[in-house]
Protein backbone atom coordinates (compact mmCIF):
# COMPACT_ATOMS: atom_id res chain seq x y z
CA MET A 1 1.79 11.12 -59.34
CA GLU A 2 5.20 11.14 -57.65
CA LEU A 3 5.45 11.05 -53.86
CA SER A 4 7.05 14.50 -53.82
CA GLU A 5 4.05 15.91 -55.70
CA ILE A 6 1.63 14.28 -53.25
CA ARG A 7 3.52 15.75 -50.33
CA THR A 8 3.47 19.20 -51.91
CA LYS A 9 -0.31 18.96 -52.17
CA ILE A 10 -0.52 17.76 -48.55
CA ASP A 11 1.55 20.76 -47.44
CA ALA A 12 -0.85 23.08 -49.23
CA VAL A 13 -3.85 21.41 -47.57
CA ASP A 14 -2.11 21.61 -44.18
CA ASP A 15 -1.63 25.34 -44.65
CA GLN A 16 -5.35 25.71 -45.26
CA LEU A 17 -6.20 23.45 -42.33
CA LEU A 18 -4.04 25.47 -39.95
CA LYS A 19 -5.60 28.73 -41.10
CA LEU A 20 -9.10 27.32 -40.64
CA PHE A 21 -8.19 25.74 -37.31
CA LEU A 22 -6.94 29.05 -35.93
CA GLU A 23 -10.07 30.75 -37.22
CA ARG A 24 -12.21 28.11 -35.54
CA MET A 25 -10.37 28.53 -32.23
CA GLU A 26 -10.90 32.31 -32.39
CA LEU A 27 -14.61 31.69 -32.89
CA SER A 28 -14.53 29.31 -29.89
CA GLU A 29 -13.07 32.15 -27.83
CA ALA A 30 -15.97 34.35 -28.94
CA VAL A 31 -18.35 31.59 -27.86
CA ALA A 32 -16.58 31.47 -24.47
CA ALA A 33 -17.09 35.21 -24.04
CA TYR A 34 -20.80 34.83 -24.79
CA LYS A 35 -21.16 31.86 -22.42
CA ASN A 36 -19.28 33.77 -19.74
CA GLU A 37 -21.58 36.76 -20.08
CA HIS A 38 -24.78 34.68 -20.09
CA LYS A 39 -23.63 32.13 -17.46
CA LEU A 40 -23.94 29.19 -19.86
CA PRO A 41 -22.14 25.84 -19.44
CA ILE A 42 -19.16 25.06 -21.65
CA LEU A 43 -20.44 21.68 -22.79
CA ASN A 44 -23.34 21.67 -25.26
CA ARG A 45 -23.73 17.99 -26.04
CA ALA A 46 -26.76 18.45 -28.29
CA ARG A 47 -24.84 20.88 -30.50
CA GLU A 48 -21.86 18.51 -30.71
CA ARG A 49 -24.06 15.54 -31.61
CA GLU A 50 -25.70 17.59 -34.34
CA ILE A 51 -22.34 18.48 -35.89
CA LEU A 52 -21.01 14.93 -35.60
CA ALA A 53 -24.09 13.51 -37.26
CA LYS A 54 -23.75 15.94 -40.17
CA VAL A 55 -20.00 15.35 -40.56
CA THR A 56 -20.17 11.54 -40.47
CA GLN A 57 -23.04 11.55 -42.97
CA ARG A 58 -20.98 13.58 -45.43
CA ALA A 59 -17.68 11.72 -44.86
CA GLY A 60 -18.64 8.53 -46.68
CA ASP A 61 -16.38 5.57 -45.95
CA LYS A 62 -14.11 7.83 -43.87
CA GLU A 63 -16.87 8.65 -41.38
CA ARG A 64 -14.96 6.99 -38.49
CA TYR A 65 -11.93 9.21 -39.03
CA ALA A 66 -14.05 12.32 -39.46
CA TYR A 67 -15.86 11.49 -36.22
CA HIS A 68 -12.58 11.32 -34.24
CA LEU A 69 -11.19 14.43 -35.91
CA TYR A 70 -14.18 16.53 -34.91
CA SER A 71 -14.35 14.98 -31.44
CA THR A 72 -10.76 16.12 -30.92
CA LEU A 73 -11.61 19.58 -32.24
CA PHE A 74 -14.43 19.81 -29.71
CA GLU A 75 -12.10 18.84 -26.88
CA LEU A 76 -9.53 21.46 -27.92
CA ALA A 77 -12.22 24.11 -28.19
CA ARG A 78 -13.65 23.22 -24.78
CA SER A 79 -10.18 23.23 -23.22
CA ARG A 80 -9.57 26.73 -24.57
CA GLN A 81 -12.99 27.91 -23.43
CA ALA A 82 -12.32 26.50 -19.96
CA GLU A 83 -9.26 28.77 -19.69
CA LEU A 84 -11.47 31.79 -20.43
CA ILE A 85 -14.60 30.96 -18.44
CA SER A 86 -14.71 32.61 -15.02
CA ALA A 87 -17.39 30.41 -13.41
CA PRO A 88 -16.19 29.49 -9.90
CA THR A 89 -15.14 25.91 -9.11
CA LYS A 90 -14.06 24.20 -5.90
CA VAL A 91 -10.77 23.06 -7.40
CA ALA A 92 -9.87 26.62 -8.46
CA GLU A 93 -10.47 27.89 -4.93
CA ARG A 94 -8.50 25.02 -3.40
CA VAL A 95 -5.57 25.62 -5.73
CA ARG A 96 -5.66 29.35 -4.98
CA VAL A 97 -5.55 28.75 -1.21
CA SER A 98 -2.80 26.14 -1.61
CA LEU A 99 -0.58 28.42 -3.68
CA GLU A 100 -1.12 31.34 -1.29
CA SER A 101 0.14 29.35 1.70
CA ASN A 102 3.67 30.62 0.95
CA SER A 103 5.15 27.25 1.96
CA GLU A 104 7.98 26.99 -0.53
CA VAL A 105 10.22 24.38 1.11
CA PHE A 106 8.93 21.04 2.37
CA PRO A 107 9.72 20.79 6.11
CA GLN A 108 12.28 18.37 7.52
CA THR A 109 10.58 18.05 10.90
CA GLY A 110 7.17 18.06 12.55
CA MET A 111 4.68 15.84 14.38
CA VAL A 112 3.87 12.91 12.07
CA ALA A 113 1.14 10.29 12.60
CA CYS A 114 2.12 6.78 11.49
CA GLN A 115 0.15 3.52 11.64
CA GLY A 116 1.99 0.67 13.33
CA VAL A 117 4.96 0.35 15.67
CA GLU A 118 8.72 0.81 15.49
CA GLY A 119 10.10 -1.07 12.50
CA ALA A 120 7.02 -0.69 10.31
CA ASN A 121 7.47 0.26 6.67
CA SER A 122 5.39 3.36 7.40
CA GLN A 123 8.02 4.37 9.94
CA VAL A 124 10.75 4.03 7.30
CA ALA A 125 8.65 6.21 4.97
CA CYS A 126 8.24 8.78 7.77
CA ASP A 127 11.99 8.92 8.32
CA ARG A 128 12.57 9.43 4.61
CA LEU A 129 9.99 12.22 4.35
CA PHE A 130 10.88 13.86 7.69
CA PRO A 131 14.53 13.17 8.64
CA ARG A 132 14.04 14.98 11.97
CA GLY A 133 10.35 14.22 12.42
CA ASN A 134 8.63 13.29 15.68
CA ILE A 135 6.62 10.12 14.96
CA VAL A 136 3.36 9.40 16.79
CA TYR A 137 2.34 5.75 16.37
CA VAL A 138 -1.36 4.93 16.07
CA LYS A 139 -3.29 1.70 15.55
CA SER A 140 -5.06 2.22 12.22
CA PHE A 141 -5.16 4.24 9.00
CA GLY A 142 -8.30 5.92 10.33
CA ALA A 143 -6.42 6.95 13.46
CA VAL A 144 -3.75 8.58 11.27
CA VAL A 145 -6.46 10.67 9.63
CA SER A 146 -8.01 11.53 13.00
CA ALA A 147 -4.65 12.63 14.39
CA VAL A 148 -4.18 15.03 11.46
CA GLU A 149 -7.76 16.34 11.52
CA SER A 150 -7.70 16.95 15.27
CA GLY A 151 -4.44 18.87 15.07
CA LEU A 152 -2.56 16.33 17.21
CA CYS A 153 -0.17 15.91 14.27
CA LYS A 154 0.45 18.28 11.39
CA PHE A 155 1.25 15.42 9.01
CA GLY A 156 0.17 11.84 8.47
CA VAL A 157 1.87 9.12 6.41
CA LEU A 158 -0.21 6.40 4.72
CA PRO A 159 0.51 3.61 2.21
CA ILE A 160 -1.41 4.25 -1.02
CA GLU A 161 -0.38 1.49 -3.43
CA ASN A 162 1.88 -1.50 -3.95
CA SER A 163 3.45 -2.57 -7.22
CA SER A 164 2.40 -6.20 -6.67
CA ASN A 165 -0.90 -5.90 -4.84
CA GLY A 166 -2.42 -2.68 -6.19
CA SER A 167 -3.97 0.27 -4.41
CA VAL A 168 -4.73 0.33 -0.70
CA ARG A 169 -8.48 0.81 -1.06
CA ALA A 170 -9.00 1.55 2.64
CA VAL A 171 -6.75 4.61 2.32
CA TYR A 172 -8.50 5.83 -0.82
CA GLN A 173 -11.79 5.44 1.03
CA LEU A 174 -10.48 7.65 3.84
CA LEU A 175 -9.32 10.25 1.32
CA GLN A 176 -12.83 10.30 -0.14
CA GLU A 177 -14.47 10.72 3.24
CA HIS A 178 -12.10 13.31 4.74
CA ASP A 179 -10.92 16.65 3.44
CA LEU A 180 -7.15 16.17 3.46
CA SER A 181 -4.42 17.27 1.07
CA VAL A 182 -1.62 15.10 -0.29
CA VAL A 183 1.59 17.13 -0.05
CA ARG A 184 4.36 14.57 -0.67
CA SER A 185 4.96 10.95 -1.57
CA THR A 186 7.80 8.47 -1.46
CA ARG A 187 8.41 4.97 -2.79
CA LEU A 188 10.05 2.18 -0.78
CA CYS A 189 11.44 -1.13 -1.95
CA ILE A 190 9.76 -3.71 0.27
CA ARG A 191 11.33 -7.08 1.14
CA HIS A 192 9.33 -9.53 3.22
CA GLU A 193 10.80 -12.31 5.38
CA LEU A 194 9.22 -15.05 7.45
CA LEU A 195 10.27 -14.38 11.04
CA ALA A 196 9.86 -16.60 14.09
CA LEU A 197 11.35 -17.28 17.52
CA PRO A 198 14.95 -18.53 17.49
CA GLY A 199 15.18 -22.23 16.66
CA THR A 200 11.81 -22.40 14.91
CA ARG A 201 11.75 -24.42 11.68
CA LEU A 202 9.37 -23.93 8.77
CA GLU A 203 7.66 -27.27 9.46
CA ASP A 204 6.97 -26.16 13.07
CA ILE A 205 4.86 -23.18 11.99
CA THR A 206 1.07 -23.49 12.14
CA GLU A 207 0.05 -19.83 12.09
CA ILE A 208 1.38 -16.77 10.30
CA TYR A 209 0.53 -13.14 11.09
CA SER A 210 0.92 -10.07 8.90
CA HIS A 211 -0.82 -7.13 7.27
CA GLU A 212 -3.24 -8.09 4.50
CA GLN A 213 -1.16 -6.25 1.87
CA ALA A 214 1.96 -8.24 2.84
CA ILE A 215 -0.09 -11.44 2.80
CA GLY A 216 -1.21 -10.63 -0.73
CA GLN A 217 2.36 -9.90 -1.79
CA CYS A 218 3.47 -13.36 -0.57
CA SER A 219 0.48 -15.31 -1.90
CA LYS A 220 2.52 -17.87 -3.88
CA PHE A 221 4.64 -18.84 -0.87
CA LEU A 222 1.62 -19.02 1.44
CA GLY A 223 -0.32 -21.04 -1.12
CA GLY A 224 2.37 -23.72 -1.00
CA LEU A 225 2.06 -24.26 2.77
CA LYS A 226 -0.17 -26.94 4.26
CA ASP A 227 -2.21 -26.71 7.46
CA VAL A 228 -1.02 -23.19 8.21
CA LYS A 229 -3.48 -20.55 9.38
CA VAL A 230 -2.84 -17.06 7.97
CA VAL A 231 -4.11 -14.27 10.24
CA PRO A 232 -4.31 -10.62 9.06
CA CYS A 233 -3.26 -7.97 11.54
CA GLY A 234 -2.73 -4.24 11.53
CA ASN A 235 0.91 -4.02 10.52
CA THR A 236 3.95 -6.13 9.55
CA ALA A 237 6.01 -4.77 12.44
CA ALA A 238 3.10 -5.30 14.84
CA ALA A 239 2.95 -8.91 13.60
CA ALA A 240 6.65 -9.40 14.45
CA LYS A 241 6.16 -7.82 17.87
CA GLN A 242 3.14 -10.03 18.54
CA VAL A 243 5.03 -13.21 17.66
CA ALA A 244 7.99 -12.17 19.82
CA GLU A 245 5.79 -11.38 22.83
CA SER A 246 3.66 -14.52 22.45
CA GLY A 247 6.53 -16.96 23.02
CA ASN A 248 4.69 -19.34 20.69
CA PRO A 249 7.18 -21.56 18.79
CA HIS A 250 4.50 -22.38 16.20
CA ALA A 251 3.80 -18.74 15.26
CA ALA A 252 5.55 -16.64 12.61
CA ALA A 253 5.24 -13.22 11.08
CA ILE A 254 5.70 -11.85 7.58
CA SER A 255 7.75 -8.77 8.31
CA SER A 256 10.96 -6.92 7.40
CA HIS A 257 14.57 -7.85 8.09
CA PRO A 258 15.12 -4.95 10.57
CA CYS A 259 12.20 -6.24 12.65
CA ALA A 260 14.07 -9.50 13.27
CA ALA A 261 16.81 -7.69 15.18
CA LEU A 262 14.35 -5.23 16.70
CA TYR A 263 12.15 -7.93 18.26
CA GLY A 264 14.62 -10.78 18.75
CA LEU A 265 13.37 -13.05 15.96
CA GLU A 266 15.14 -15.15 13.35
CA CYS A 267 14.58 -15.34 9.61
CA VAL A 268 13.08 -18.72 8.71
CA ASN A 269 12.77 -17.90 5.01
CA GLY A 270 14.02 -14.70 3.37
CA ASN A 271 12.63 -15.32 -0.09
CA ILE A 272 8.85 -15.38 0.24
CA GLN A 273 7.48 -12.44 -1.76
CA ASP A 274 5.93 -12.96 -5.19
CA SER A 275 8.13 -10.34 -6.88
CA ASP A 276 11.59 -8.98 -6.19
CA ASN A 277 10.45 -5.72 -7.78
CA ASN A 278 8.10 -4.99 -4.88
CA TYR A 279 7.54 -1.31 -4.10
CA THR A 280 5.04 0.45 -1.85
CA ARG A 281 4.17 4.09 -2.29
CA PHE A 282 3.41 6.23 0.74
CA ILE A 283 1.73 9.62 0.80
CA CYS A 284 1.98 12.44 3.30
CA VAL A 285 -1.29 14.24 4.09
CA THR A 286 -2.14 17.45 5.91
CA LYS A 287 -5.31 19.17 7.06
CA ASP A 288 -4.67 22.45 5.25
CA PRO A 289 -4.24 22.59 1.45
CA VAL A 290 -0.58 23.32 0.64
CA ILE A 291 1.46 23.02 -2.54
CA TYR A 292 5.19 22.96 -1.96
CA ALA A 293 7.92 23.88 -4.44
CA GLY A 294 8.67 21.26 -7.08
CA ALA A 295 5.15 19.80 -7.13
CA ASN A 296 4.73 17.88 -10.38
CA LYS A 297 2.23 15.12 -9.56
CA ILE A 298 -1.55 15.53 -9.24
CA SER A 299 -3.89 12.98 -7.64
CA LEU A 300 -7.63 12.92 -8.33
CA ILE A 301 -10.70 10.83 -7.56
CA ILE A 302 -13.52 11.09 -10.08
CA ALA A 303 -16.87 9.44 -10.74
CA LEU A 304 -18.54 9.49 -14.16
CA ASP A 305 -22.05 9.17 -15.48
CA ASN A 306 -22.79 5.61 -16.55
CA ARG A 307 -22.91 6.17 -20.33
CA PRO A 308 -20.76 5.27 -23.34
CA GLY A 309 -17.78 7.53 -23.90
CA ALA A 310 -17.78 9.16 -20.45
CA LEU A 311 -14.25 8.02 -19.59
CA TYR A 312 -13.01 8.78 -23.10
CA GLU A 313 -14.12 12.40 -22.72
CA VAL A 314 -11.98 12.78 -19.60
CA LEU A 315 -8.96 11.13 -21.19
CA SER A 316 -9.31 13.20 -24.34
CA LYS A 317 -9.16 16.40 -22.27
CA LEU A 318 -5.78 15.27 -20.93
CA ALA A 319 -4.56 14.18 -24.35
CA ALA A 320 -5.59 17.49 -25.90
CA LEU A 321 -3.30 19.33 -23.45
CA ASP A 322 -0.50 16.74 -23.62
CA ILE A 323 -0.88 15.90 -19.91
CA ASP A 324 0.74 12.59 -19.01
CA MET A 325 -1.51 10.26 -16.98
CA THR A 326 0.56 7.86 -14.85
CA LYS A 327 -2.28 6.06 -13.05
CA LEU A 328 -5.84 5.10 -13.92
CA GLU A 329 -7.59 2.58 -11.71
CA SER A 330 -11.28 1.83 -11.38
CA CYS A 331 -13.02 0.88 -8.15
CA PRO A 332 -16.64 -0.32 -7.93
CA VAL A 333 -19.03 1.82 -5.92
CA ALA A 334 -20.44 -0.06 -2.93
CA GLY A 335 -24.03 -1.14 -3.46
CA SER A 336 -23.91 -0.89 -7.25
CA ASP A 337 -23.07 -3.51 -9.87
CA PHE A 338 -22.15 -1.10 -12.65
CA GLU A 339 -20.95 2.25 -11.22
CA PHE A 340 -17.26 2.99 -10.73
CA ILE A 341 -15.01 5.67 -9.36
CA PHE A 342 -11.55 6.21 -10.81
CA PHE A 343 -8.21 7.02 -9.19
CA LEU A 344 -6.08 9.22 -11.46
CA GLU A 345 -2.55 10.53 -11.22
CA LEU A 346 -1.13 13.09 -13.62
CA GLU A 347 2.36 14.42 -14.25
CA ALA A 348 1.50 18.12 -14.15
CA SER A 349 1.58 21.30 -12.10
CA VAL A 350 -1.36 23.54 -11.24
CA LYS A 351 0.93 26.51 -11.80
CA ASP A 352 0.27 25.88 -15.49
CA PRO A 353 -2.94 27.81 -16.37
CA SER A 354 -3.98 25.20 -18.95
CA VAL A 355 -3.73 22.46 -16.31
CA ARG A 356 -5.90 24.47 -13.91
CA ALA A 357 -8.43 25.04 -16.68
CA CYS A 358 -8.47 21.33 -17.47
CA LEU A 359 -9.11 20.43 -13.82
CA GLU A 360 -11.93 22.98 -13.64
CA GLU A 361 -13.55 21.55 -16.76
CA MET A 362 -13.22 18.04 -15.33
CA GLU A 363 -14.95 19.18 -12.16
CA ARG A 364 -17.80 20.64 -14.20
CA SER A 365 -18.26 17.52 -16.32
CA CYS A 366 -17.69 14.71 -13.77
CA ALA A 367 -20.45 13.39 -11.53
CA GLN A 368 -17.92 13.52 -8.68
CA PHE A 369 -14.54 15.24 -8.66
CA GLN A 370 -11.99 15.37 -5.84
CA PHE A 371 -8.63 17.12 -6.10
CA LEU A 372 -6.35 15.38 -3.61
CA GLY A 373 -3.27 17.52 -4.13
CA ASN A 374 -0.34 18.63 -6.25
CA TYR A 375 2.95 17.39 -4.81
CA ALA A 376 6.41 15.99 -5.46
CA GLU A 377 7.60 12.42 -4.99
CA VAL A 378 10.95 11.84 -3.29
C-alpha cells in the first residue's frame, strides 16, 4: 500500500474519531448536569479504573498506548465538567473577590515593608516595584508579613527564589501560614562582592558575614578559603553595615557593590559568586486579594495524596488545557519521610474560564490547595 493510500485511510479514521470524541464530550456534559443536580463529585476513580481495565485488556500489545489515550480522555472530560459544575470552592470565591476589587492599575506608591537596611537587594526590588514608595525597613521576613497583616504597610516585598540557590523556603513557609496575596513580582540580577574595611587584604580576613542565600550563591569561593568562619546574618546590606560599624580589620561581608560606597567599605574580591547568571525573584504581597491588569502568572502551593500517579493527574489537567507550567518544585513536609508539598507557577490568567475551572478541579482533588495569586512580573 502506498503512503498516500495509508494517509487517506488515516484521514477517514480521524473523521470518525473526531465525531465520536465530540459525541463523548456531549455525554460528559450530560454527566456534569446530573452530578450538578445530585451534588456528586466530578472524579469517579472506580468508574475510570473499570474502563481502563477493560480497554487495556482488549488492546493487546498496544495496551500502554490505549491506557494513555483513555487517561487523557478522562482528563479532558473532567476539565469540561469542572467548567459546568457549580459546587462552591475557595479559589472561585477568592478569584471573584480579587477581580471585583476594581484595581486596574498597579500603584506607583504606598507604604512598603522590606526586610533589611538601606542598600539591600530587597530595597532595590522595592524601588523597582514602587518608584515613589515609602519603604519601612524591618528585621525579618516574618516582620514583613506582620507589617502587612497589621495594616502598618499595604505592601510587603519578599525574595522568593534564586536562580543559583533555589527557592527561599522560609518565605514559602510564611505564605503557607498566612493568608496573603501575591500581586506583583520582579527579577533582579544579583552580583556579590567581598567587602571589608579599607586596606584589608584577603589573607587578613578570618570571618565573613552575609545572608544564607548569598552564602549559598558563593559556595565555591568560600569553600576555597582556609580558617575563615562564615556567619549567616539577616541581610547582605546588614552584613556590610555590621562590618563597617565593627571596625574589625579581620571581618568581611558578602554584599553588593552599592553597599561599599554606602557604608565606607572596599571591594576585596568582586568575582566570588558561583554563577554570573545569578538572579533573585522578589514578590509583592498584600493582605487583601487583588488582581491587577496584565496578570499572567499564577502561583500555587499544593499537597497530594501519597499514591502512584497523583502528581501526573495534576500535570495532565494542565496539559489538557494547554496551560504552561513554569515552575514545579517539591518540598518535604516536616515530620514525614515521604510526604511532599509542591510549589507551582503557571503562565495563565484567571480571567480565562477554563483556567478557573482547572484551578477549582485542582482544589477538589488535591489534599491541600493554596492559590497565592494571579499577577504580572516586571
